[in-house]
Structure formats: C-alpha cells, structure tokens
C-alpha cells in the first residue's frame, strides 16, 4: 500500500507519445515524515501517521508529539491492514509512486457559501413566462403539510462545498523532479490545499 500527503499546485496537460493530450493536476507530493506508528496491540488498529509541510510554531502538545523530528503543520493518519514496514522518522518521497499507478485522492472541496437549490441541487427552476414573476429559481413546494415538519435530508438552499471528497481510479501520468506528481484528471480542493493520495 502506497500513500503520501501532497499540496495541490495547478492543472496542466501532458502529451502522450501517440499525440493524445491528457489533462492532469500537478501536486507537490512530500517529503513526508513518519511521526507515529499505531499497532493493534496498543491502539486497537494499525496505522501510519505522516507529517507534512514545515511549521514555524507548534503548541507544546504538538511539539512534544514530534519531538526529535522536524516541526510539521499537517498530521494525517493512513490505516493499513498489516503492520507497516516503516518506523518513526522515516521519510516518504514522491518516488514511491510510478507512472501507471491507480490512486484515489481525498481533499476538501472548495467552499461556495450559501447557495440556492438551482446551483446546489441542480433544480431546473420554474418557467420564465406566463405568470411566474420572481419564481424562476425558487424551490417550489416542499411536500404535504400533514406531518407539520420538514423531513431530514430535504433538498433546500444552504451551505455548499467545504466537504471531504474522494475521487477514485485516477492515474499517475508522470513523476517529475522535485517531488511533483502529474495525476490524470481533476482532484478536489483549491490551490495549495492538502490532499491525501493512496494507491491500492
């Protein structure tokens, strides 16, 4: 199982040898430091905790947690099925991946603020003519009134985005110098946001 933390840089495109163009997202993968190894005996499950992005200041509990290591501003955990062949202090680089690897990428989607039902849930809206003044983007009826309440999960206006999103079956197209990975397609999040990359 391969995994790493990365910072989203930008989108670009890569030409394959046969001339086809591939849209890619460039991410700065690593270097990550193993800050903790969790085992089923002591923690109830096996996992590897990675630290990413250097930090100037840490609170005392965090600085104690990464004692004798570089101060890291991002700590994330990756669960594993068996005991990992890593130890505290090991470094993970982008070179653990090879072109052709199929990965899944998890990130926080862009926050869009408070949005209506047309943008948030793809309602098609009302007719724009024949007595529908000011109704074009309204949600319409929300159901029968007999229950005297709104059912949970009813699609209404509200905050959109800012959710954890996982995109699966993406391909590593290139592993570039400096720890930059070219991942086929789009991945969630804004520029400079941190994403998790996991290969089966």
N, C-alpha and C. Protein backbone atom coordinates (compact mmCIF):
# COMPACT_ATOMS: atom_id res chain seq x y z
N UNK A 1 0.85 -1.20 0.00
CA UNK A 1 0.00 0.00 0.00
C UNK A 1 0.89 1.25 0.00
N UNK A 2 0.67 2.11 -0.98
CA UNK A 2 1.43 3.35 -1.06
C UNK A 2 0.52 4.51 -0.67
N UNK A 3 1.07 5.48 0.06
CA UNK A 3 0.29 6.66 0.43
C UNK A 3 1.24 7.81 0.68
N UNK A 4 0.70 9.03 0.53
CA UNK A 4 1.51 10.23 0.75
C UNK A 4 0.58 11.42 0.87
N UNK A 5 1.07 12.49 1.49
CA UNK A 5 0.36 13.77 1.53
C UNK A 5 0.94 14.69 0.47
N UNK A 6 0.09 15.50 -0.12
CA UNK A 6 0.55 16.37 -1.21
C UNK A 6 -0.17 17.70 -1.15
N UNK A 7 0.45 18.70 -1.77
CA UNK A 7 -0.15 20.03 -1.90
C UNK A 7 -0.54 20.25 -3.34
N UNK A 8 -1.79 20.62 -3.56
CA UNK A 8 -2.27 20.84 -4.93
C UNK A 8 -1.64 22.12 -5.49
N UNK A 9 -1.08 22.02 -6.70
CA UNK A 9 -0.42 23.16 -7.31
C UNK A 9 -1.31 23.81 -8.37
N UNK A 10 -1.55 23.10 -9.48
CA UNK A 10 -2.33 23.66 -10.58
C UNK A 10 -2.70 22.55 -11.54
N UNK A 11 -3.53 22.90 -12.54
CA UNK A 11 -3.84 21.95 -13.60
C UNK A 11 -2.99 22.26 -14.81
N UNK A 12 -2.71 21.21 -15.59
CA UNK A 12 -1.89 21.35 -16.78
C UNK A 12 -2.32 20.26 -17.77
N UNK A 13 -1.48 20.02 -18.78
CA UNK A 13 -1.77 18.95 -19.72
C UNK A 13 -0.47 18.29 -20.16
N UNK A 14 -0.56 17.01 -20.48
CA UNK A 14 0.59 16.21 -20.88
C UNK A 14 0.25 15.53 -22.20
N UNK A 15 1.21 15.52 -23.10
CA UNK A 15 1.03 14.84 -24.38
C UNK A 15 1.66 13.44 -24.28
N UNK A 16 0.88 12.42 -24.61
CA UNK A 16 1.40 11.06 -24.64
C UNK A 16 2.20 10.84 -25.92
N UNK A 17 3.00 9.77 -26.00
CA UNK A 17 3.80 9.53 -27.22
C UNK A 17 2.97 9.43 -28.50
N UNK A 18 1.70 8.98 -28.38
CA UNK A 18 0.87 8.86 -29.59
C UNK A 18 0.20 10.18 -29.97
N UNK A 19 0.46 11.26 -29.20
CA UNK A 19 -0.07 12.57 -29.54
C UNK A 19 -1.33 12.96 -28.82
N UNK A 20 -1.95 12.03 -28.07
CA UNK A 20 -3.17 12.38 -27.34
C UNK A 20 -2.81 13.26 -26.14
N UNK A 21 -3.68 14.20 -25.84
CA UNK A 21 -3.45 15.12 -24.73
C UNK A 21 -4.20 14.61 -23.50
N UNK A 22 -3.55 14.70 -22.35
CA UNK A 22 -4.13 14.22 -21.10
C UNK A 22 -4.19 15.38 -20.12
N UNK A 23 -5.39 15.73 -19.63
CA UNK A 23 -5.47 16.76 -18.59
C UNK A 23 -4.96 16.21 -17.27
N UNK A 24 -4.10 16.94 -16.59
CA UNK A 24 -3.51 16.47 -15.33
C UNK A 24 -3.57 17.57 -14.28
N UNK A 25 -3.53 17.13 -13.02
CA UNK A 25 -3.37 18.04 -11.89
C UNK A 25 -1.99 17.82 -11.32
N UNK A 26 -1.23 18.89 -11.16
CA UNK A 26 0.11 18.79 -10.59
C UNK A 26 0.03 18.98 -9.08
N UNK A 27 0.66 18.07 -8.35
CA UNK A 27 0.67 18.14 -6.89
C UNK A 27 2.11 17.98 -6.40
N UNK A 28 2.42 18.72 -5.34
CA UNK A 28 3.74 18.60 -4.69
C UNK A 28 3.61 17.53 -3.62
N UNK A 29 4.08 16.32 -3.92
CA UNK A 29 3.93 15.17 -3.03
C UNK A 29 5.16 15.04 -2.14
N UNK A 30 4.95 15.18 -0.84
CA UNK A 30 6.06 15.02 0.10
C UNK A 30 7.01 16.20 0.07
N UNK A 31 8.14 16.09 0.73
CA UNK A 31 8.51 14.95 1.58
C UNK A 31 7.69 14.89 2.87
N UNK A 32 7.30 13.67 3.24
CA UNK A 32 6.53 13.45 4.47
C UNK A 32 7.40 12.66 5.46
N UNK A 33 7.17 12.92 6.73
CA UNK A 33 7.91 12.25 7.80
C UNK A 33 6.94 11.38 8.60
N UNK A 34 7.34 10.15 8.88
CA UNK A 34 6.53 9.27 9.72
C UNK A 34 6.66 9.76 11.16
N UNK A 35 5.55 10.22 11.73
CA UNK A 35 5.58 10.78 13.09
C UNK A 35 5.10 9.79 14.13
N UNK A 36 4.35 8.75 13.70
CA UNK A 36 3.84 7.77 14.67
C UNK A 36 3.43 6.50 13.93
N UNK A 37 3.69 5.35 14.56
CA UNK A 37 3.22 4.06 14.06
C UNK A 37 2.23 3.51 15.08
N UNK A 38 1.00 3.25 14.65
CA UNK A 38 -0.01 2.70 15.56
C UNK A 38 -0.16 1.21 15.29
N UNK A 39 -0.29 0.44 16.36
CA UNK A 39 -0.41 -1.02 16.23
C UNK A 39 -1.70 -1.49 16.88
N UNK A 40 -2.14 -2.66 16.46
CA UNK A 40 -3.39 -3.20 17.01
C UNK A 40 -3.24 -3.55 18.49
N UNK A 41 -2.02 -3.82 18.93
CA UNK A 41 -1.81 -4.19 20.33
C UNK A 41 -2.00 -2.98 21.25
N UNK A 42 -1.48 -1.83 20.84
CA UNK A 42 -1.55 -0.65 21.73
C UNK A 42 -2.71 0.28 21.40
N UNK A 43 -3.11 0.36 20.12
CA UNK A 43 -4.14 1.32 19.71
C UNK A 43 -5.43 0.68 19.21
N UNK A 44 -5.41 -0.62 19.01
CA UNK A 44 -6.62 -1.30 18.53
C UNK A 44 -6.70 -1.39 17.03
N UNK A 45 -5.79 -0.75 16.31
CA UNK A 45 -5.75 -0.83 14.85
C UNK A 45 -4.34 -0.45 14.40
N UNK A 46 -4.04 -0.77 13.15
CA UNK A 46 -2.71 -0.45 12.62
C UNK A 46 -2.83 0.74 11.68
N UNK A 47 -1.92 1.70 11.83
CA UNK A 47 -1.95 2.90 11.01
C UNK A 47 -0.59 3.56 11.03
N UNK A 48 -0.38 4.42 10.04
CA UNK A 48 0.84 5.22 9.96
C UNK A 48 0.43 6.68 9.95
N UNK A 49 1.05 7.47 10.81
CA UNK A 49 0.77 8.91 10.84
C UNK A 49 1.91 9.65 10.15
N UNK A 50 1.54 10.50 9.18
CA UNK A 50 2.54 11.26 8.43
C UNK A 50 2.44 12.74 8.78
N UNK A 51 3.59 13.40 8.79
CA UNK A 51 3.65 14.84 8.95
C UNK A 51 4.07 15.48 7.64
N UNK A 52 3.48 16.64 7.34
CA UNK A 52 3.72 17.30 6.06
C UNK A 52 3.73 18.81 6.25
N UNK A 53 4.50 19.50 5.47
CA UNK A 53 4.66 20.95 5.46
C UNK A 53 5.30 21.46 6.75
N UNK A 54 6.48 22.04 6.67
CA UNK A 54 7.16 22.54 7.87
C UNK A 54 6.38 23.66 8.55
N UNK A 55 6.48 23.71 9.86
CA UNK A 55 5.78 24.72 10.65
C UNK A 55 6.79 25.49 11.48
N UNK A 56 6.57 26.80 11.63
CA UNK A 56 7.47 27.64 12.43
C UNK A 56 7.16 27.49 13.92
N UNK A 57 5.88 27.43 14.24
CA UNK A 57 5.50 27.36 15.65
C UNK A 57 4.50 26.23 15.86
N UNK A 58 4.66 25.52 16.96
CA UNK A 58 3.71 24.50 17.35
C UNK A 58 3.36 24.68 18.82
N UNK A 59 2.15 24.30 19.20
CA UNK A 59 1.79 24.29 20.61
C UNK A 59 2.60 23.19 21.31
N UNK A 60 2.71 23.30 22.62
CA UNK A 60 3.56 22.37 23.35
C UNK A 60 3.14 20.90 23.17
N UNK A 61 1.85 20.57 23.19
CA UNK A 61 1.50 19.15 22.99
C UNK A 61 1.96 18.64 21.62
N UNK A 62 1.80 19.46 20.58
CA UNK A 62 2.21 19.04 19.25
C UNK A 62 3.74 18.96 19.13
N UNK A 63 4.43 19.91 19.73
CA UNK A 63 5.90 19.88 19.67
C UNK A 63 6.44 18.68 20.42
N UNK A 64 5.76 18.26 21.48
CA UNK A 64 6.18 17.05 22.19
C UNK A 64 5.91 15.80 21.37
N UNK A 65 4.82 15.83 20.60
CA UNK A 65 4.47 14.67 19.77
C UNK A 65 5.50 14.45 18.68
N UNK A 66 6.06 15.53 18.12
CA UNK A 66 7.04 15.40 17.04
C UNK A 66 8.46 15.66 17.56
N UNK A 67 8.68 15.36 18.82
CA UNK A 67 10.00 15.59 19.43
C UNK A 67 11.08 14.83 18.65
N UNK A 68 12.22 15.49 18.46
CA UNK A 68 13.36 14.96 17.71
C UNK A 68 13.09 14.85 16.21
N UNK A 69 11.97 15.39 15.74
CA UNK A 69 11.65 15.43 14.31
C UNK A 69 11.44 16.88 13.90
N UNK A 70 11.34 17.12 12.59
CA UNK A 70 11.02 18.45 12.11
C UNK A 70 9.60 18.81 12.50
N UNK A 71 9.36 20.08 12.82
CA UNK A 71 8.01 20.54 13.16
C UNK A 71 7.15 20.53 11.91
N UNK A 72 6.01 19.84 11.97
CA UNK A 72 5.11 19.69 10.82
C UNK A 72 3.76 20.32 11.15
N UNK A 73 3.19 21.03 10.16
CA UNK A 73 1.92 21.70 10.41
C UNK A 73 0.72 20.81 10.10
N UNK A 74 0.91 19.75 9.31
CA UNK A 74 -0.21 18.87 8.94
C UNK A 74 0.14 17.45 9.36
N UNK A 75 -0.75 16.83 10.14
CA UNK A 75 -0.60 15.42 10.53
C UNK A 75 -1.83 14.66 10.05
N UNK A 76 -1.59 13.58 9.32
CA UNK A 76 -2.70 12.74 8.83
C UNK A 76 -2.36 11.28 9.06
N UNK A 77 -3.41 10.48 9.21
CA UNK A 77 -3.25 9.06 9.52
C UNK A 77 -3.73 8.21 8.35
N UNK A 78 -3.01 7.16 8.06
CA UNK A 78 -3.38 6.22 7.00
C UNK A 78 -3.47 4.83 7.62
N UNK A 79 -4.66 4.23 7.57
CA UNK A 79 -4.83 2.89 8.13
C UNK A 79 -4.27 1.84 7.18
N UNK A 80 -3.68 0.80 7.75
CA UNK A 80 -3.12 -0.30 6.97
C UNK A 80 -3.67 -1.62 7.50
N UNK A 81 -3.68 -2.62 6.62
CA UNK A 81 -4.20 -3.93 7.02
C UNK A 81 -3.19 -4.71 7.85
N UNK A 82 -1.92 -4.63 7.46
CA UNK A 82 -0.89 -5.35 8.21
C UNK A 82 0.11 -4.35 8.78
N UNK A 83 0.99 -4.84 9.61
CA UNK A 83 1.99 -3.98 10.24
C UNK A 83 2.87 -3.35 9.16
N UNK A 84 3.01 -2.02 9.14
CA UNK A 84 3.79 -1.36 8.09
C UNK A 84 5.29 -1.59 8.26
N UNK A 85 6.01 -1.57 7.15
CA UNK A 85 7.46 -1.74 7.16
C UNK A 85 8.14 -0.37 7.30
N UNK A 86 7.61 0.46 8.17
CA UNK A 86 8.15 1.80 8.39
C UNK A 86 8.41 1.99 9.87
N UNK A 87 9.25 2.98 10.19
CA UNK A 87 9.48 3.31 11.58
C UNK A 87 9.45 4.84 11.73
N UNK A 88 9.30 5.29 12.96
CA UNK A 88 9.22 6.73 13.22
C UNK A 88 10.49 7.42 12.73
N UNK A 89 10.29 8.52 12.00
CA UNK A 89 11.42 9.27 11.47
C UNK A 89 11.72 8.99 10.02
N UNK A 90 11.12 7.93 9.44
CA UNK A 90 11.34 7.65 8.02
C UNK A 90 10.73 8.74 7.16
N UNK A 91 11.31 8.97 5.99
CA UNK A 91 10.79 9.96 5.05
C UNK A 91 10.17 9.28 3.85
N UNK A 92 9.04 9.81 3.40
CA UNK A 92 8.37 9.32 2.20
C UNK A 92 8.45 10.39 1.12
N UNK A 93 8.89 9.99 -0.07
CA UNK A 93 9.01 10.90 -1.20
C UNK A 93 8.03 10.49 -2.28
N UNK A 94 7.89 11.37 -3.28
CA UNK A 94 7.00 11.09 -4.41
C UNK A 94 7.48 9.89 -5.22
N UNK A 95 8.75 9.53 -5.07
CA UNK A 95 9.31 8.43 -5.86
C UNK A 95 8.73 7.07 -5.48
N UNK A 96 7.92 6.99 -4.40
CA UNK A 96 7.28 5.71 -4.09
C UNK A 96 6.24 5.35 -5.14
N UNK A 97 5.77 6.35 -5.90
CA UNK A 97 4.80 6.10 -6.96
C UNK A 97 5.52 5.96 -8.30
N UNK A 98 4.89 5.21 -9.21
CA UNK A 98 5.43 5.04 -10.56
C UNK A 98 4.32 5.37 -11.56
N UNK A 99 4.68 5.88 -12.75
CA UNK A 99 3.65 6.16 -13.76
C UNK A 99 2.82 4.90 -14.05
N UNK A 100 1.51 5.11 -14.11
CA UNK A 100 0.61 3.98 -14.32
C UNK A 100 -0.10 3.52 -13.06
N UNK A 101 0.38 3.97 -11.88
CA UNK A 101 -0.29 3.60 -10.63
C UNK A 101 -1.71 4.19 -10.62
N UNK A 102 -2.66 3.40 -10.13
CA UNK A 102 -4.04 3.87 -9.98
C UNK A 102 -4.24 4.27 -8.52
N UNK A 103 -4.67 5.50 -8.31
CA UNK A 103 -4.75 6.05 -6.96
C UNK A 103 -6.14 6.63 -6.69
N UNK A 104 -6.40 6.88 -5.42
CA UNK A 104 -7.56 7.68 -5.03
C UNK A 104 -7.06 8.89 -4.27
N UNK A 105 -7.71 10.04 -4.51
CA UNK A 105 -7.28 11.31 -3.93
C UNK A 105 -8.42 11.86 -3.08
N UNK A 106 -8.11 12.22 -1.84
CA UNK A 106 -9.09 12.77 -0.91
C UNK A 106 -8.69 14.18 -0.53
N UNK A 107 -9.64 15.11 -0.63
CA UNK A 107 -9.39 16.50 -0.27
C UNK A 107 -10.67 17.18 0.16
N UNK A 108 -10.56 18.45 0.55
CA UNK A 108 -11.72 19.25 0.95
C UNK A 108 -12.11 20.12 -0.24
N UNK A 109 -13.36 19.97 -0.69
CA UNK A 109 -13.82 20.70 -1.86
C UNK A 109 -13.91 22.19 -1.58
N UNK A 110 -13.88 22.99 -2.63
CA UNK A 110 -13.96 24.44 -2.48
C UNK A 110 -15.29 24.84 -1.83
N UNK A 111 -15.23 25.75 -0.85
CA UNK A 111 -16.45 26.25 -0.23
C UNK A 111 -17.11 27.30 -1.12
N UNK A 112 -18.41 27.16 -1.34
CA UNK A 112 -19.14 28.07 -2.21
C UNK A 112 -20.11 28.97 -1.46
N UNK A 113 -20.14 28.82 -0.13
CA UNK A 113 -21.04 29.67 0.65
C UNK A 113 -22.49 29.21 0.58
N UNK A 114 -23.39 30.11 0.94
CA UNK A 114 -24.83 29.79 0.96
C UNK A 114 -25.36 29.87 -0.47
N UNK A 115 -25.86 28.77 -0.99
CA UNK A 115 -26.34 28.71 -2.37
C UNK A 115 -27.78 28.22 -2.43
N UNK A 116 -28.45 28.60 -3.50
CA UNK A 116 -29.84 28.18 -3.71
C UNK A 116 -29.93 26.78 -4.28
N UNK A 117 -31.17 26.34 -4.50
CA UNK A 117 -31.39 24.95 -4.92
C UNK A 117 -30.97 24.70 -6.36
N UNK A 118 -30.98 25.73 -7.22
CA UNK A 118 -30.60 25.53 -8.62
C UNK A 118 -29.10 25.17 -8.69
N UNK A 119 -28.27 25.93 -7.99
CA UNK A 119 -26.84 25.65 -8.02
C UNK A 119 -26.47 24.46 -7.13
N UNK A 120 -27.12 24.36 -5.98
CA UNK A 120 -26.72 23.35 -5.01
C UNK A 120 -27.22 21.95 -5.36
N UNK A 121 -28.46 21.85 -5.86
CA UNK A 121 -29.07 20.54 -6.12
C UNK A 121 -29.50 20.35 -7.57
N UNK A 122 -29.14 21.29 -8.44
CA UNK A 122 -29.43 21.18 -9.87
C UNK A 122 -30.94 21.15 -10.18
N UNK A 123 -31.75 21.88 -9.38
CA UNK A 123 -33.16 22.06 -9.76
C UNK A 123 -33.20 22.85 -11.06
N UNK A 124 -34.19 22.55 -11.91
CA UNK A 124 -34.23 23.26 -13.20
C UNK A 124 -34.99 24.57 -13.12
N UNK A 125 -35.60 24.85 -11.99
CA UNK A 125 -36.29 26.13 -11.86
C UNK A 125 -37.66 26.12 -12.50
N UNK A 126 -38.34 27.27 -12.45
CA UNK A 126 -39.70 27.39 -12.96
C UNK A 126 -39.69 27.94 -14.37
N UNK A 127 -40.84 27.85 -15.08
CA UNK A 127 -40.91 28.51 -16.39
C UNK A 127 -40.66 30.01 -16.26
N UNK A 128 -40.07 30.60 -17.26
CA UNK A 128 -39.70 32.01 -17.19
C UNK A 128 -40.80 32.93 -17.70
N UNK A 129 -41.95 32.37 -18.08
CA UNK A 129 -43.02 33.20 -18.64
C UNK A 129 -44.37 32.77 -18.08
N UNK A 130 -45.41 33.47 -18.52
CA UNK A 130 -46.80 33.12 -18.19
C UNK A 130 -47.08 33.11 -16.70
N UNK A 131 -46.88 34.26 -16.07
CA UNK A 131 -47.32 34.41 -14.69
C UNK A 131 -46.41 33.78 -13.66
N UNK A 132 -45.12 33.73 -13.94
CA UNK A 132 -44.18 33.18 -12.96
C UNK A 132 -43.20 34.25 -12.49
N UNK A 133 -43.72 35.41 -12.19
CA UNK A 133 -42.86 36.51 -11.78
C UNK A 133 -42.10 36.16 -10.50
N UNK A 134 -40.79 36.40 -10.50
CA UNK A 134 -39.92 36.22 -9.33
C UNK A 134 -39.88 34.77 -8.84
N UNK A 135 -40.24 33.82 -9.68
CA UNK A 135 -40.26 32.42 -9.24
C UNK A 135 -39.20 31.56 -9.91
N UNK A 136 -38.37 32.17 -10.77
CA UNK A 136 -37.53 31.38 -11.66
C UNK A 136 -36.62 30.40 -10.91
N UNK A 137 -35.99 30.86 -9.82
CA UNK A 137 -35.03 30.00 -9.11
C UNK A 137 -35.54 29.57 -7.73
N UNK A 138 -36.86 29.64 -7.54
CA UNK A 138 -37.44 29.24 -6.25
C UNK A 138 -37.52 27.71 -6.14
N UNK A 139 -37.51 27.19 -4.91
CA UNK A 139 -37.56 25.72 -4.77
C UNK A 139 -38.93 25.12 -5.04
N UNK A 140 -39.99 25.89 -4.89
CA UNK A 140 -41.32 25.32 -5.10
C UNK A 140 -41.84 24.64 -3.83
N UNK A 141 -42.83 23.77 -3.98
CA UNK A 141 -43.44 23.10 -2.85
C UNK A 141 -42.45 22.14 -2.19
N UNK A 142 -42.55 22.03 -0.85
CA UNK A 142 -41.67 21.09 -0.15
C UNK A 142 -42.45 19.89 0.35
N UNK A 143 -43.63 19.64 -0.18
CA UNK A 143 -44.37 18.43 0.17
C UNK A 143 -45.64 18.73 0.95
N UNK A 144 -46.36 17.66 1.30
CA UNK A 144 -47.63 17.78 2.02
C UNK A 144 -47.42 18.37 3.40
N UNK A 145 -48.43 19.10 3.90
CA UNK A 145 -48.29 19.77 5.20
C UNK A 145 -48.81 18.97 6.36
N UNK A 146 -49.28 17.75 6.11
CA UNK A 146 -49.90 16.98 7.18
C UNK A 146 -48.96 16.58 8.29
N UNK A 147 -47.69 16.41 7.98
CA UNK A 147 -46.75 15.97 9.02
C UNK A 147 -46.27 17.12 9.88
N UNK A 148 -46.50 18.37 9.42
CA UNK A 148 -46.18 19.58 10.18
C UNK A 148 -44.69 19.72 10.53
N UNK A 149 -43.85 19.17 9.68
CA UNK A 149 -42.42 19.36 9.87
C UNK A 149 -41.73 19.12 8.53
N UNK A 150 -40.47 19.49 8.48
CA UNK A 150 -39.67 19.27 7.28
C UNK A 150 -38.83 18.01 7.48
N UNK A 151 -38.94 17.08 6.55
CA UNK A 151 -38.18 15.83 6.67
C UNK A 151 -36.68 16.09 6.58
N UNK A 152 -35.90 15.31 7.33
CA UNK A 152 -34.45 15.43 7.28
C UNK A 152 -33.95 15.05 5.89
N UNK A 153 -32.94 15.79 5.43
CA UNK A 153 -32.36 15.49 4.13
C UNK A 153 -33.08 16.11 2.96
N UNK A 154 -34.14 16.88 3.21
CA UNK A 154 -34.85 17.52 2.11
C UNK A 154 -33.94 18.53 1.44
N UNK A 155 -33.95 18.49 0.12
CA UNK A 155 -33.02 19.35 -0.63
C UNK A 155 -33.51 20.79 -0.61
N UNK A 156 -32.75 21.64 0.04
CA UNK A 156 -33.08 23.05 0.19
C UNK A 156 -31.82 23.89 -0.01
N UNK A 157 -31.99 25.21 0.05
CA UNK A 157 -30.84 26.10 -0.02
C UNK A 157 -30.00 25.94 1.24
N UNK A 158 -28.71 26.21 1.14
CA UNK A 158 -27.84 26.10 2.31
C UNK A 158 -26.39 26.18 1.90
N UNK A 159 -25.52 25.91 2.86
CA UNK A 159 -24.08 25.97 2.58
C UNK A 159 -23.68 24.86 1.61
N UNK A 160 -22.84 25.25 0.67
CA UNK A 160 -22.41 24.31 -0.37
C UNK A 160 -20.89 24.25 -0.39
N UNK A 161 -20.35 23.05 -0.57
CA UNK A 161 -18.90 22.88 -0.62
C UNK A 161 -18.30 22.74 0.76
N UNK A 162 -16.97 22.69 0.80
CA UNK A 162 -16.28 22.52 2.07
C UNK A 162 -16.43 21.13 2.63
N UNK A 163 -16.72 20.14 1.77
CA UNK A 163 -16.91 18.77 2.21
C UNK A 163 -15.70 17.92 1.83
N UNK A 164 -15.51 16.83 2.55
CA UNK A 164 -14.45 15.89 2.18
C UNK A 164 -14.91 15.08 0.98
N UNK A 165 -14.11 15.09 -0.07
CA UNK A 165 -14.47 14.42 -1.32
C UNK A 165 -13.33 13.48 -1.70
N UNK A 166 -13.69 12.25 -2.13
CA UNK A 166 -12.70 11.29 -2.60
C UNK A 166 -12.98 10.96 -4.05
N UNK A 167 -11.95 11.09 -4.89
CA UNK A 167 -12.05 10.72 -6.30
C UNK A 167 -11.19 9.49 -6.52
N UNK A 168 -11.80 8.42 -7.06
CA UNK A 168 -11.10 7.15 -7.21
C UNK A 168 -10.69 6.91 -8.66
N UNK A 169 -9.83 5.92 -8.83
CA UNK A 169 -9.39 5.43 -10.15
C UNK A 169 -8.73 6.53 -10.99
N UNK A 170 -7.87 7.32 -10.36
CA UNK A 170 -7.07 8.29 -11.10
C UNK A 170 -5.70 7.69 -11.38
N UNK A 171 -5.10 8.11 -12.46
CA UNK A 171 -3.83 7.52 -12.88
C UNK A 171 -2.67 8.49 -12.66
N UNK A 172 -1.56 7.96 -12.17
CA UNK A 172 -0.32 8.74 -12.10
C UNK A 172 0.29 8.75 -13.50
N UNK A 173 0.31 9.93 -14.14
CA UNK A 173 0.82 10.04 -15.51
C UNK A 173 2.33 10.23 -15.50
N UNK A 174 2.83 11.09 -14.62
CA UNK A 174 4.27 11.37 -14.57
C UNK A 174 4.71 11.54 -13.12
N UNK A 175 5.95 11.17 -12.85
CA UNK A 175 6.61 11.51 -11.59
C UNK A 175 7.77 12.41 -11.95
N UNK A 176 7.65 13.70 -11.65
CA UNK A 176 8.63 14.69 -12.08
C UNK A 176 9.66 14.94 -10.99
N UNK A 177 10.73 15.63 -11.40
CA UNK A 177 11.77 16.01 -10.45
C UNK A 177 11.19 16.98 -9.41
N UNK A 178 11.74 16.94 -8.22
CA UNK A 178 11.29 17.83 -7.16
C UNK A 178 10.06 17.33 -6.44
N UNK A 179 9.68 16.08 -6.67
CA UNK A 179 8.54 15.51 -5.96
C UNK A 179 7.19 15.93 -6.49
N UNK A 180 7.12 16.29 -7.78
CA UNK A 180 5.84 16.71 -8.37
C UNK A 180 5.22 15.52 -9.10
N UNK A 181 3.96 15.23 -8.76
CA UNK A 181 3.21 14.17 -9.44
C UNK A 181 2.20 14.79 -10.38
N UNK A 182 2.05 14.20 -11.56
CA UNK A 182 1.01 14.59 -12.51
C UNK A 182 -0.08 13.53 -12.45
N UNK A 183 -1.24 13.90 -11.89
CA UNK A 183 -2.36 12.98 -11.70
C UNK A 183 -3.40 13.25 -12.77
N UNK A 184 -3.82 12.22 -13.48
CA UNK A 184 -4.78 12.40 -14.56
C UNK A 184 -6.12 12.89 -14.01
N UNK A 185 -6.68 13.93 -14.63
CA UNK A 185 -7.98 14.44 -14.24
C UNK A 185 -7.92 15.49 -13.16
N UNK A 186 -9.10 15.84 -12.64
CA UNK A 186 -9.23 16.88 -11.61
C UNK A 186 -9.34 16.24 -10.24
N UNK A 187 -8.82 16.93 -9.23
CA UNK A 187 -8.93 16.46 -7.85
C UNK A 187 -9.57 17.56 -7.01
N UNK A 188 -10.20 17.20 -5.90
CA UNK A 188 -10.92 18.21 -5.12
C UNK A 188 -9.98 19.18 -4.42
N UNK A 189 -10.51 20.38 -4.15
CA UNK A 189 -9.77 21.36 -3.36
C UNK A 189 -9.26 22.53 -4.17
N UNK A 190 -8.90 23.58 -3.46
CA UNK A 190 -8.34 24.78 -4.08
C UNK A 190 -6.83 24.62 -4.20
N UNK A 191 -6.19 25.56 -4.89
CA UNK A 191 -4.73 25.55 -4.96
C UNK A 191 -4.14 25.67 -3.56
N UNK A 192 -3.03 25.00 -3.36
CA UNK A 192 -2.30 24.99 -2.09
C UNK A 192 -3.02 24.23 -0.98
N UNK A 193 -4.13 23.54 -1.29
CA UNK A 193 -4.78 22.74 -0.27
C UNK A 193 -4.09 21.37 -0.18
N UNK A 194 -4.21 20.74 0.96
CA UNK A 194 -3.54 19.45 1.20
C UNK A 194 -4.49 18.32 0.84
N UNK A 195 -3.97 17.33 0.09
CA UNK A 195 -4.76 16.17 -0.30
C UNK A 195 -4.02 14.90 0.11
N UNK A 196 -4.78 13.82 0.25
CA UNK A 196 -4.20 12.51 0.55
C UNK A 196 -4.25 11.67 -0.72
N UNK A 197 -3.13 11.04 -1.04
CA UNK A 197 -3.04 10.17 -2.23
C UNK A 197 -2.76 8.76 -1.75
N UNK A 198 -3.62 7.82 -2.14
CA UNK A 198 -3.49 6.42 -1.72
C UNK A 198 -3.57 5.54 -2.95
N UNK A 199 -2.59 4.63 -3.09
CA UNK A 199 -2.62 3.61 -4.13
C UNK A 199 -2.94 2.29 -3.49
N UNK A 200 -3.80 1.50 -4.14
CA UNK A 200 -4.19 0.20 -3.57
C UNK A 200 -2.97 -0.69 -3.49
